[in-house]
Amino acid sequence: MTETAEPPREGSLDAPVRHPIDWQNPDFYDADAFDKEFRRQAEVCNSCRRCFNLCDSFPTLFDAVDGAENFEVDDLTTADIKATVDGCTLCDMCFLTKCPYVPPHEFNIDFPHLMLRYRAIQQKAGDIPFADNQLVKTDRNGTMARPVAGLVNWATNRKNRGVRTLINTLGDIHPDAELPKFNTRTLTSRARKAREINAEAPAFGKRKVAVYATCFGEYNKPEIGEAALAVLAQNGIDADVVYPGCCGMPKLEQGNLDSVAAKARKVAKALRPMVEDGYTIMGLVPSCSLMLKFEWPLILPDDEDIRALSAATMDFDQLVVDIAKTEGLADGLKPLRGGVTLHLSCHSRAQNIGQKSAEMLKMIPRTEINVIERCSGHGGTWGIKKANHDTAIKVGTPVFRKALDHHNTFVSSTCPLSCDHIKTGIESVQSDSAPARTWHPIEIFAKAYGI
């Protein structure tokens, strides 16, 4: 008796499956082949429109189709396609939370990686602006800025109408965009200071953890890493700090897949001995954790070092929650007055680990936690550009308004860049209600421990 094949089922009944990025195939960079694939996927998107409210890409696409002579995807111009791509922040939310036609569905829709393909074609053709490619050289920029961090922070301050205006012009940066601050002392240098490890904690002696500093933690806000190290020490874990280099997410945004692959090989090779020795690699920034866990294996699926690192990587909140569930947390958490508004960034959600920061903060006794699960609109380097910043504010406005509605003392985001953007956005909506500062969730957790 022969078995009949199971008929295809409508989308989202199976877990999404992401195919490796075929970036080493010359056809990947063929503009005509891309155009054909774009129109194929856009036809499906246009017939569904479930994703209309996620970002600016989809309204741009649908408006272009609605404005075409025959209301057809075939009528889209190259300018329409470019405008659609320009609205994408590579947040992955359409793939993971909205689209019913992602693999294993036969329609095989992967809109973010389609947008990435367009930018890779631009990169190969030399069409990415010079300033954009310089902006994403985070290790170089951080190394150069560190000795003169005070001067750089003064120059890039939004209120510095002189030098900042010149920077805006040269870098095509919006004058209202908040730029990351630099620090004179890196996280790896700060981490050399001895920490008191809580020998009474349930997890004492049971975990090996290496904190992957990320370029943001290393050069811009090492305080996040210090808070993470302190929380781990309170819970009996003497963590190491490692930083072989940037994860490449900023360069992924520019379609520079050759550079991303090189960074992936370098970092994965450097961390492989620790992985083999049983270390968990803890990411401080969700976009970086996402790269190590998912994007690198899709770019270099046959690299053993990358596969091993992917399996050993946990986001900061994911690790703390796992410690709490497996060994138990150390005593000492105290209530925080005023409550916490927590924004879950797209790259946190894209990891498919659940609301781990919310779970973590809810362990703080008698402290109200209000969660916002919606895109802030920032999108890494995307949101600071002149062409995008107004759109970034528009997309993030529901987040800013919700944060104002909660009236909490602490405003937090799992993405530290979103933290700055949310503060800027709140100022744009109601300037006198903007928080003096925003917080990374691990900083709030450390504060609850009295650290």
Protein backbone atom coordinates (compact mmCIF):
# COMPACT_ATOMS: atom_id res chain seq x y z
CA MET A 1 0.00 0.00 0.00
CA THR A 2 1.49 3.32 -1.05
CA GLU A 3 1.35 6.33 1.23
CA THR A 4 -0.20 9.46 -0.14
CA ALA A 5 1.73 12.67 0.38
CA GLU A 6 0.29 15.01 2.96
CA PRO A 7 -1.24 18.02 1.20
CA PRO A 8 0.38 21.38 1.93
CA ARG A 9 -1.09 23.15 4.93
CA GLU A 10 -1.76 26.85 5.28
CA GLY A 11 1.07 28.81 6.86
CA SER A 12 2.02 29.22 10.53
CA LEU A 13 0.87 25.72 11.45
CA ASP A 14 4.50 24.64 11.54
CA ALA A 15 7.47 26.38 13.13
CA PRO A 16 9.19 28.80 10.73
CA VAL A 17 12.23 27.38 8.98
CA ARG A 18 14.87 29.78 7.71
CA HIS A 19 17.00 28.74 4.75
CA PRO A 20 20.71 29.59 4.57
CA ILE A 21 21.55 32.81 2.73
CA ASP A 22 22.92 31.92 -0.70
CA TRP A 23 25.32 34.88 -0.69
CA GLN A 24 28.29 33.01 -2.17
CA ASN A 25 26.34 32.18 -5.32
CA PRO A 26 27.00 34.75 -8.11
CA ASP A 27 23.28 34.65 -8.99
CA PHE A 28 22.55 36.16 -5.57
CA TYR A 29 23.93 39.46 -6.90
CA ASP A 30 22.14 39.34 -10.25
CA ALA A 31 19.86 42.39 -10.38
CA ASP A 32 17.42 40.82 -12.84
CA ALA A 33 17.12 37.66 -10.76
CA PHE A 34 16.49 39.78 -7.67
CA ASP A 35 13.81 41.80 -9.48
CA LYS A 36 12.00 38.60 -10.46
CA GLU A 37 12.15 37.22 -6.90
CA PHE A 38 11.10 40.54 -5.38
CA ARG A 39 7.98 40.67 -7.53
CA ARG A 40 7.17 37.03 -6.72
CA GLN A 41 7.31 37.65 -2.98
CA ALA A 42 5.66 41.08 -3.25
CA GLU A 43 2.70 39.49 -5.04
CA VAL A 44 2.11 37.27 -2.02
CA CYS A 45 2.56 40.18 0.40
CA ASN A 46 0.17 42.36 -1.60
CA SER A 47 -2.52 39.67 -1.64
CA CYS A 48 -2.30 39.26 2.15
CA ARG A 49 -1.34 42.65 3.68
CA ARG A 50 -1.30 41.23 7.20
CA CYS A 51 2.01 43.05 7.80
CA PHE A 52 0.75 46.54 6.91
CA ASN A 53 1.45 48.05 10.35
CA LEU A 54 4.88 46.60 11.16
CA CYS A 55 7.23 49.12 9.56
CA ASP A 56 7.39 51.60 6.67
CA SER A 57 8.32 49.02 4.02
CA PHE A 58 4.90 47.46 3.68
CA PRO A 59 2.78 50.64 3.50
CA THR A 60 5.29 51.92 0.93
CA LEU A 61 4.92 48.74 -1.12
CA PHE A 62 1.14 48.61 -0.88
CA ASP A 63 0.73 52.31 -1.65
CA ALA A 64 2.91 51.87 -4.74
CA VAL A 65 0.75 48.97 -5.95
CA ASP A 66 -2.46 50.88 -5.23
CA GLY A 67 -1.11 53.86 -7.15
CA ALA A 68 -0.02 51.82 -10.17
CA GLU A 69 -2.02 52.04 -13.37
CA ASN A 70 -3.22 48.43 -13.21
CA PHE A 71 -2.92 47.94 -9.42
CA GLU A 72 -0.40 45.19 -10.10
CA VAL A 73 2.99 44.30 -8.67
CA ASP A 74 4.27 44.03 -12.24
CA ASP A 75 3.76 47.80 -12.56
CA LEU A 76 6.21 48.63 -9.76
CA THR A 77 9.19 50.72 -10.82
CA THR A 78 12.78 50.34 -9.67
CA ALA A 79 12.20 53.46 -7.55
CA ASP A 80 9.22 51.77 -5.88
CA ILE A 81 11.34 48.73 -5.06
CA LYS A 82 14.18 50.85 -3.68
CA ALA A 83 11.75 52.82 -1.49
CA THR A 84 10.38 49.53 -0.13
CA VAL A 85 13.86 48.30 0.71
CA ASP A 86 14.84 51.63 2.26
CA GLY A 87 12.01 51.29 4.77
CA CYS A 88 13.26 47.95 6.12
CA THR A 89 15.27 47.83 9.37
CA LEU A 90 15.93 44.06 9.14
CA CYS A 91 14.03 43.56 12.39
CA ASP A 92 12.69 40.12 11.25
CA MET A 93 9.27 40.73 12.81
CA CYS A 94 7.40 40.10 9.56
CA PHE A 95 9.09 36.71 9.20
CA LEU A 96 8.64 35.64 12.81
CA THR A 97 5.38 37.17 13.99
CA LYS A 98 3.15 38.02 11.04
CA CYS A 99 3.74 36.15 7.80
CA PRO A 100 1.75 32.91 7.33
CA TYR A 101 3.74 32.05 4.21
CA VAL A 102 7.28 31.60 5.55
CA PRO A 103 9.02 28.23 5.03
CA PRO A 104 8.04 25.42 5.25
CA HIS A 105 5.07 26.91 3.37
CA GLU A 106 5.51 26.43 -0.36
CA PHE A 107 5.35 30.20 -0.99
CA ASN A 108 8.75 30.44 0.74
CA ILE A 109 8.51 34.08 1.83
CA ASP A 110 11.48 35.66 3.63
CA PHE A 111 11.06 39.39 3.23
CA PRO A 112 13.95 40.54 5.49
CA HIS A 113 16.52 38.40 3.68
CA LEU A 114 15.10 39.62 0.37
CA MET A 115 15.79 43.17 1.53
CA LEU A 116 19.26 42.07 2.63
CA ARG A 117 19.88 40.68 -0.86
CA TYR A 118 19.07 44.06 -2.40
CA ARG A 119 21.55 45.79 -0.09
CA ALA A 120 24.18 43.17 -0.85
CA ILE A 121 23.74 43.96 -4.54
CA GLN A 122 24.09 47.66 -3.71
CA GLN A 123 27.25 46.93 -1.71
CA LYS A 124 28.82 44.94 -4.55
CA ALA A 125 27.97 47.71 -7.01
CA GLY A 126 29.48 50.40 -4.79
CA ASP A 127 26.11 52.09 -4.31
CA ILE A 128 26.22 52.24 -0.50
CA PRO A 129 27.26 55.79 0.48
CA PHE A 130 30.81 56.19 1.76
CA ALA A 131 29.64 57.73 5.05
CA ASP A 132 27.31 54.79 5.72
CA ASN A 133 30.13 52.28 5.32
CA GLN A 134 32.35 54.30 7.67
CA LEU A 135 29.64 54.64 10.30
CA VAL A 136 29.37 50.86 10.76
CA LYS A 137 33.10 50.27 11.38
CA THR A 138 32.38 50.05 15.08
CA ASP A 139 35.67 48.55 16.27
CA ARG A 140 37.73 51.13 14.40
CA ASN A 141 35.49 53.98 15.50
CA GLY A 142 35.47 52.82 19.11
CA THR A 143 39.25 52.42 19.22
CA MET A 144 39.80 55.88 17.75
CA ALA A 145 37.20 57.59 19.95
CA ARG A 146 38.20 56.00 23.27
CA PRO A 147 41.27 58.18 24.05
CA VAL A 148 39.30 61.36 23.31
CA ALA A 149 35.84 60.18 24.38
CA GLY A 150 34.96 63.41 26.17
CA LEU A 151 35.74 65.49 23.10
CA VAL A 152 33.85 63.11 20.79
CA ASN A 153 30.79 63.10 23.06
CA TRP A 154 30.84 66.89 23.18
CA ALA A 155 31.07 67.10 19.39
CA THR A 156 28.25 64.62 18.75
CA ASN A 157 25.85 66.08 21.33
CA ARG A 158 22.58 67.15 19.72
CA LYS A 159 22.79 70.50 21.51
CA ASN A 160 26.17 71.28 19.95
CA ARG A 161 24.85 73.23 16.99
CA GLY A 162 28.32 73.94 15.64
CA VAL A 163 30.35 70.76 15.32
CA ARG A 164 27.30 68.47 15.34
CA THR A 165 25.92 70.34 12.32
CA LEU A 166 29.11 69.55 10.42
CA ILE A 167 28.89 65.91 11.50
CA ASN A 168 25.27 65.77 10.36
CA THR A 169 26.23 67.10 6.95
CA LEU A 170 29.19 64.77 6.44
CA GLY A 171 27.41 61.69 7.79
CA ASP A 172 23.90 62.43 6.49
CA ILE A 173 22.70 62.21 10.10
CA HIS A 174 19.46 63.75 11.35
CA PRO A 175 20.03 66.64 13.79
CA ASP A 176 17.53 65.22 16.30
CA ALA A 177 19.03 61.72 16.35
CA GLU A 178 20.78 60.67 19.55
CA LEU A 179 24.26 59.29 18.80
CA PRO A 180 25.89 56.73 21.13
CA LYS A 181 28.35 58.09 23.65
CA PHE A 182 31.86 56.70 23.92
CA ASN A 183 33.78 55.73 27.04
CA THR A 184 37.45 56.08 27.87
CA ARG A 185 37.62 52.71 29.61
CA THR A 186 36.49 49.56 27.84
CA LEU A 187 34.49 46.79 29.45
CA THR A 188 37.35 44.31 29.04
CA SER A 189 39.67 46.61 31.00
CA ARG A 190 37.08 47.27 33.72
CA ALA A 191 36.38 43.54 34.08
CA ARG A 192 39.94 42.90 35.28
CA LYS A 193 38.99 44.31 38.66
CA ALA A 194 38.42 41.53 41.22
CA ARG A 195 34.80 40.85 42.17
CA GLU A 196 33.44 39.32 45.35
CA ILE A 197 31.69 36.10 44.41
CA ASN A 198 28.74 35.06 46.57
CA ALA A 199 29.65 31.57 47.78
CA GLU A 200 26.21 31.20 49.40
CA ALA A 201 24.35 31.53 46.09
CA PRO A 202 22.62 28.37 44.79
CA ALA A 203 24.49 28.60 41.47
CA PHE A 204 27.95 28.95 43.06
CA GLY A 205 30.46 26.73 41.27
CA LYS A 206 27.85 25.37 38.85
CA ARG A 207 28.20 27.67 35.84
CA LYS A 208 30.92 28.84 33.50
CA VAL A 209 29.94 32.10 31.81
CA ALA A 210 31.77 34.35 29.38
CA VAL A 211 30.15 37.73 28.77
CA TYR A 212 30.48 38.71 25.12
CA ALA A 213 31.05 42.44 25.50
CA THR A 214 29.69 43.48 22.07
CA CYS A 215 31.02 46.67 20.49
CA PHE A 216 28.38 48.70 22.34
CA GLY A 217 29.30 47.22 25.71
CA GLU A 218 33.01 47.50 25.00
CA TYR A 219 33.22 51.09 23.74
CA ASN A 220 29.92 52.87 24.39
CA LYS A 221 28.28 51.72 27.60
CA PRO A 222 30.49 49.37 29.62
CA GLU A 223 28.24 50.03 32.62
CA ILE A 224 25.82 47.47 31.15
CA GLY A 225 28.51 44.81 31.27
CA GLU A 226 29.55 45.82 34.78
CA ALA A 227 25.96 45.44 35.95
CA ALA A 228 25.78 41.99 34.33
CA LEU A 229 29.03 40.91 35.99
CA ALA A 230 27.78 42.15 39.36
CA VAL A 231 24.48 40.26 39.02
CA LEU A 232 26.34 37.10 38.08
CA ALA A 233 28.78 37.53 41.00
CA GLN A 234 25.82 37.97 43.37
CA ASN A 235 24.60 34.65 42.04
CA GLY A 236 27.89 32.87 42.60
CA ILE A 237 29.30 33.10 39.07
CA ASP A 238 32.75 34.54 38.41
CA ALA A 239 32.22 35.41 34.74
CA ASP A 240 34.89 36.24 32.19
CA VAL A 241 34.55 39.02 29.62
CA VAL A 242 35.50 38.31 26.03
CA TYR A 243 35.61 40.54 22.99
CA PRO A 244 37.35 39.18 19.88
CA GLY A 245 35.44 41.73 17.76
CA CYS A 246 32.07 43.08 16.61
CA CYS A 247 29.34 40.64 15.60
CA GLY A 248 28.88 42.45 12.29
CA MET A 249 25.23 43.43 12.66
CA PRO A 250 25.90 47.05 11.57
CA LYS A 251 27.61 45.77 8.42
CA LEU A 252 24.77 43.32 7.81
CA GLU A 253 22.48 46.35 7.60
CA GLN A 254 24.65 47.62 4.72
CA GLY A 255 24.65 44.27 2.90
CA ASN A 256 28.38 43.71 3.47
CA LEU A 257 28.16 39.94 3.79
CA ASP A 258 31.84 39.32 3.07
CA SER A 259 32.80 41.41 6.10
CA VAL A 260 30.12 39.84 8.31
CA ALA A 261 31.34 36.36 7.38
CA ALA A 262 34.93 37.31 8.18
CA LYS A 263 33.89 38.63 11.60
CA ALA A 264 31.84 35.50 12.26
CA ARG A 265 34.79 33.23 11.50
CA LYS A 266 37.16 35.29 13.66
CA VAL A 267 34.92 35.53 16.73
CA ALA A 268 33.67 31.94 16.55
CA LYS A 269 37.22 30.58 16.24
CA ALA A 270 38.40 32.69 19.20
CA LEU A 271 35.53 31.54 21.43
CA ARG A 272 35.54 27.86 20.41
CA PRO A 273 37.96 26.78 23.20
CA MET A 274 35.68 28.31 25.83
CA VAL A 275 32.64 26.66 24.28
CA GLU A 276 34.47 23.31 24.32
CA ASP A 277 35.28 23.92 27.99
CA GLY A 278 31.59 24.23 28.84
CA TYR A 279 31.16 27.99 28.92
CA THR A 280 27.89 29.71 28.13
CA ILE A 281 28.47 32.81 25.99
CA MET A 282 26.20 35.56 27.26
CA GLY A 283 25.29 38.44 24.93
CA LEU A 284 24.66 41.89 26.37
CA VAL A 285 22.81 43.26 23.32
CA PRO A 286 19.97 41.28 21.68
CA SER A 287 20.98 42.09 18.11
CA CYS A 288 24.43 40.62 18.81
CA SER A 289 22.97 37.50 20.44
CA LEU A 290 20.72 37.12 17.41
CA MET A 291 23.74 37.27 15.09
CA LEU A 292 25.62 34.58 17.02
CA LYS A 293 22.59 32.33 17.38
CA PHE A 294 20.88 32.63 14.01
CA GLU A 295 22.33 34.95 11.38
CA TRP A 296 25.89 33.58 11.42
CA PRO A 297 24.72 29.96 10.97
CA LEU A 298 22.59 31.11 8.01
CA ILE A 299 25.58 32.89 6.44
CA LEU A 300 28.13 30.11 7.10
CA PRO A 301 26.04 26.97 7.71
CA ASP A 302 28.97 24.55 7.35
CA ASP A 303 31.31 26.24 9.84
CA GLU A 304 31.74 24.00 12.89
CA ASP A 305 32.96 26.82 15.14
CA ILE A 306 29.88 28.88 14.36
CA ARG A 307 27.51 25.98 14.96
CA ALA A 308 29.12 25.28 18.33
CA LEU A 309 28.99 28.95 19.35
CA SER A 310 25.36 29.26 18.27
CA ALA A 311 24.35 26.38 20.54
CA ALA A 312 26.29 27.87 23.48
CA THR A 313 24.96 31.44 23.24
CA MET A 314 22.28 32.90 25.52
CA ASP A 315 20.95 36.42 25.78
CA PHE A 316 21.55 38.16 29.13
CA ASP A 317 17.96 37.81 30.34
CA GLN A 318 17.65 34.28 29.01
CA LEU A 319 20.65 33.23 31.12
CA VAL A 320 19.41 34.90 34.33
CA VAL A 321 15.99 33.25 33.96
CA ASP A 322 17.66 29.91 33.29
CA ILE A 323 19.75 30.25 36.45
CA ALA A 324 16.60 31.11 38.41
CA LYS A 325 14.76 28.04 37.11
CA THR A 326 17.68 25.60 37.33
CA GLU A 327 19.68 26.50 40.45
CA GLY A 328 17.68 29.38 41.91
CA LEU A 329 18.63 33.01 42.40
CA ALA A 330 20.52 34.42 45.34
CA ASP A 331 18.54 36.25 48.00
CA GLY A 332 18.65 40.01 48.21
CA LEU A 333 16.28 41.36 45.57
CA LYS A 334 14.40 44.38 46.94
CA PRO A 335 11.35 46.21 45.54
CA LEU A 336 11.90 49.21 43.28
CA ARG A 337 9.63 52.17 43.88
CA GLY A 338 7.80 53.62 40.93
CA GLY A 339 7.53 50.63 38.62
CA VAL A 340 9.24 49.69 35.36
CA THR A 341 8.16 50.21 31.76
CA LEU A 342 9.93 47.54 29.73
CA HIS A 343 10.18 47.66 25.94
CA LEU A 344 10.98 44.33 24.28
CA SER A 345 13.05 45.07 21.20
CA CYS A 346 12.51 43.35 17.87
CA HIS A 347 15.84 41.53 18.08
CA SER A 348 14.85 40.18 21.49
CA ARG A 349 11.59 38.90 20.11
CA ALA A 350 13.28 37.50 16.99
CA GLN A 351 15.24 35.05 19.15
CA ASN A 352 12.04 33.12 19.92
CA ILE A 353 12.85 32.81 23.61
CA GLY A 354 9.75 34.51 25.00
CA GLN A 355 9.58 37.63 27.17
CA LYS A 356 12.72 36.80 29.10
CA SER A 357 13.46 40.33 30.33
CA ALA A 358 9.90 40.56 31.63
CA GLU A 359 10.31 37.20 33.39
CA MET A 360 13.56 38.41 34.90
CA LEU A 361 12.24 41.74 36.17
CA LYS A 362 9.08 40.14 37.54
CA MET A 363 11.31 38.29 40.00
CA ILE A 364 11.86 41.63 41.74
CA PRO A 365 9.34 41.61 44.60
CA ARG A 366 6.43 44.06 44.78
CA THR A 367 7.49 45.96 41.66
CA GLU A 368 5.05 46.69 38.84
CA ILE A 369 6.35 45.73 35.39
CA ASN A 370 4.54 47.06 32.31
CA VAL A 371 5.61 45.47 29.01
CA ILE A 372 5.55 47.09 25.56
CA GLU A 373 6.01 44.59 22.75
CA ARG A 374 6.20 46.74 19.65
CA CYS A 375 8.93 48.14 17.39
CA SER A 376 10.53 51.34 18.67
CA GLY A 377 11.44 52.33 15.10
CA HIS A 378 15.17 52.72 15.66
CA GLY A 379 16.72 50.00 13.54
CA GLY A 380 20.39 50.47 14.44
CA THR A 381 22.18 52.94 12.17
CA TRP A 382 19.02 53.14 10.05
CA GLY A 383 17.13 55.37 12.47
CA ILE A 384 19.77 58.10 12.80
CA LYS A 385 19.90 58.93 9.08
CA LYS A 386 18.25 62.08 7.76
CA ALA A 387 16.13 60.09 5.34
CA ASN A 388 14.83 57.75 8.05
CA HIS A 389 14.68 59.51 11.41
CA ASP A 390 11.22 61.04 10.97
CA THR A 391 9.92 57.61 9.94
CA ALA A 392 11.68 56.06 12.93
CA ILE A 393 9.85 58.48 15.22
CA LYS A 394 6.54 57.78 13.47
CA VAL A 395 6.93 53.99 13.79
CA GLY A 396 7.95 54.30 17.43
CA THR A 397 5.28 56.79 18.51
CA PRO A 398 2.90 54.10 19.87
CA VAL A 399 5.77 52.94 22.12
CA PHE A 400 6.51 56.48 23.29
CA ARG A 401 2.84 57.16 24.09
CA LYS A 402 2.44 53.87 25.94
CA ALA A 403 5.53 54.65 28.01
CA LEU A 404 3.99 58.01 28.93
CA ASP A 405 0.70 56.32 29.86
CA HIS A 406 2.43 54.06 32.40
CA HIS A 407 4.07 56.95 34.35
CA ASN A 408 6.73 54.59 35.72
CA THR A 409 10.00 55.66 37.32
CA PHE A 410 12.12 53.34 35.18
CA VAL A 411 11.90 53.26 31.37
CA SER A 412 13.85 50.39 29.87
CA SER A 413 14.48 48.55 26.62
CA THR A 414 16.27 45.30 25.98
CA CYS A 415 18.11 47.15 23.18
CA PRO A 416 20.35 49.96 24.51
CA LEU A 417 20.09 51.89 21.24
CA SER A 418 16.30 51.70 21.48
CA CYS A 419 16.65 53.11 25.01
CA ASP A 420 18.14 56.32 23.63
CA HIS A 421 15.64 56.43 20.78
CA ILE A 422 12.67 55.99 23.14
CA LYS A 423 13.93 58.85 25.29
CA THR A 424 14.22 61.04 22.16
CA GLY A 425 10.76 59.94 21.04
CA ILE A 426 9.16 60.73 24.39
CA GLU A 427 10.71 64.20 24.18
CA SER A 428 9.10 64.64 20.74
CA VAL A 429 5.67 63.67 22.08
CA GLN A 430 5.77 65.39 25.49
CA SER A 431 9.08 67.04 26.20
CA ASP A 432 8.48 67.82 29.89
CA SER A 433 7.76 64.13 30.64
CA ALA A 434 10.91 62.59 29.18
CA PRO A 435 12.91 60.49 31.67
CA ALA A 436 16.29 61.81 32.75
CA ARG A 437 17.76 58.51 31.57
CA THR A 438 16.70 55.09 30.34
CA TRP A 439 17.89 51.72 31.61
CA HIS A 440 19.09 48.37 30.34
CA PRO A 441 17.09 45.61 32.12
CA ILE A 442 20.22 44.13 33.69
CA GLU A 443 20.98 47.53 35.25
CA ILE A 444 17.52 47.54 36.83
CA PHE A 445 18.02 44.00 38.10
CA ALA A 446 21.38 44.99 39.59
CA LYS A 447 19.74 47.99 41.26
CA ALA A 448 17.16 45.66 42.84
CA TYR A 449 20.09 43.75 44.32
CA GLY A 450 21.35 47.00 45.78
CA ILE A 451 24.30 47.09 43.37
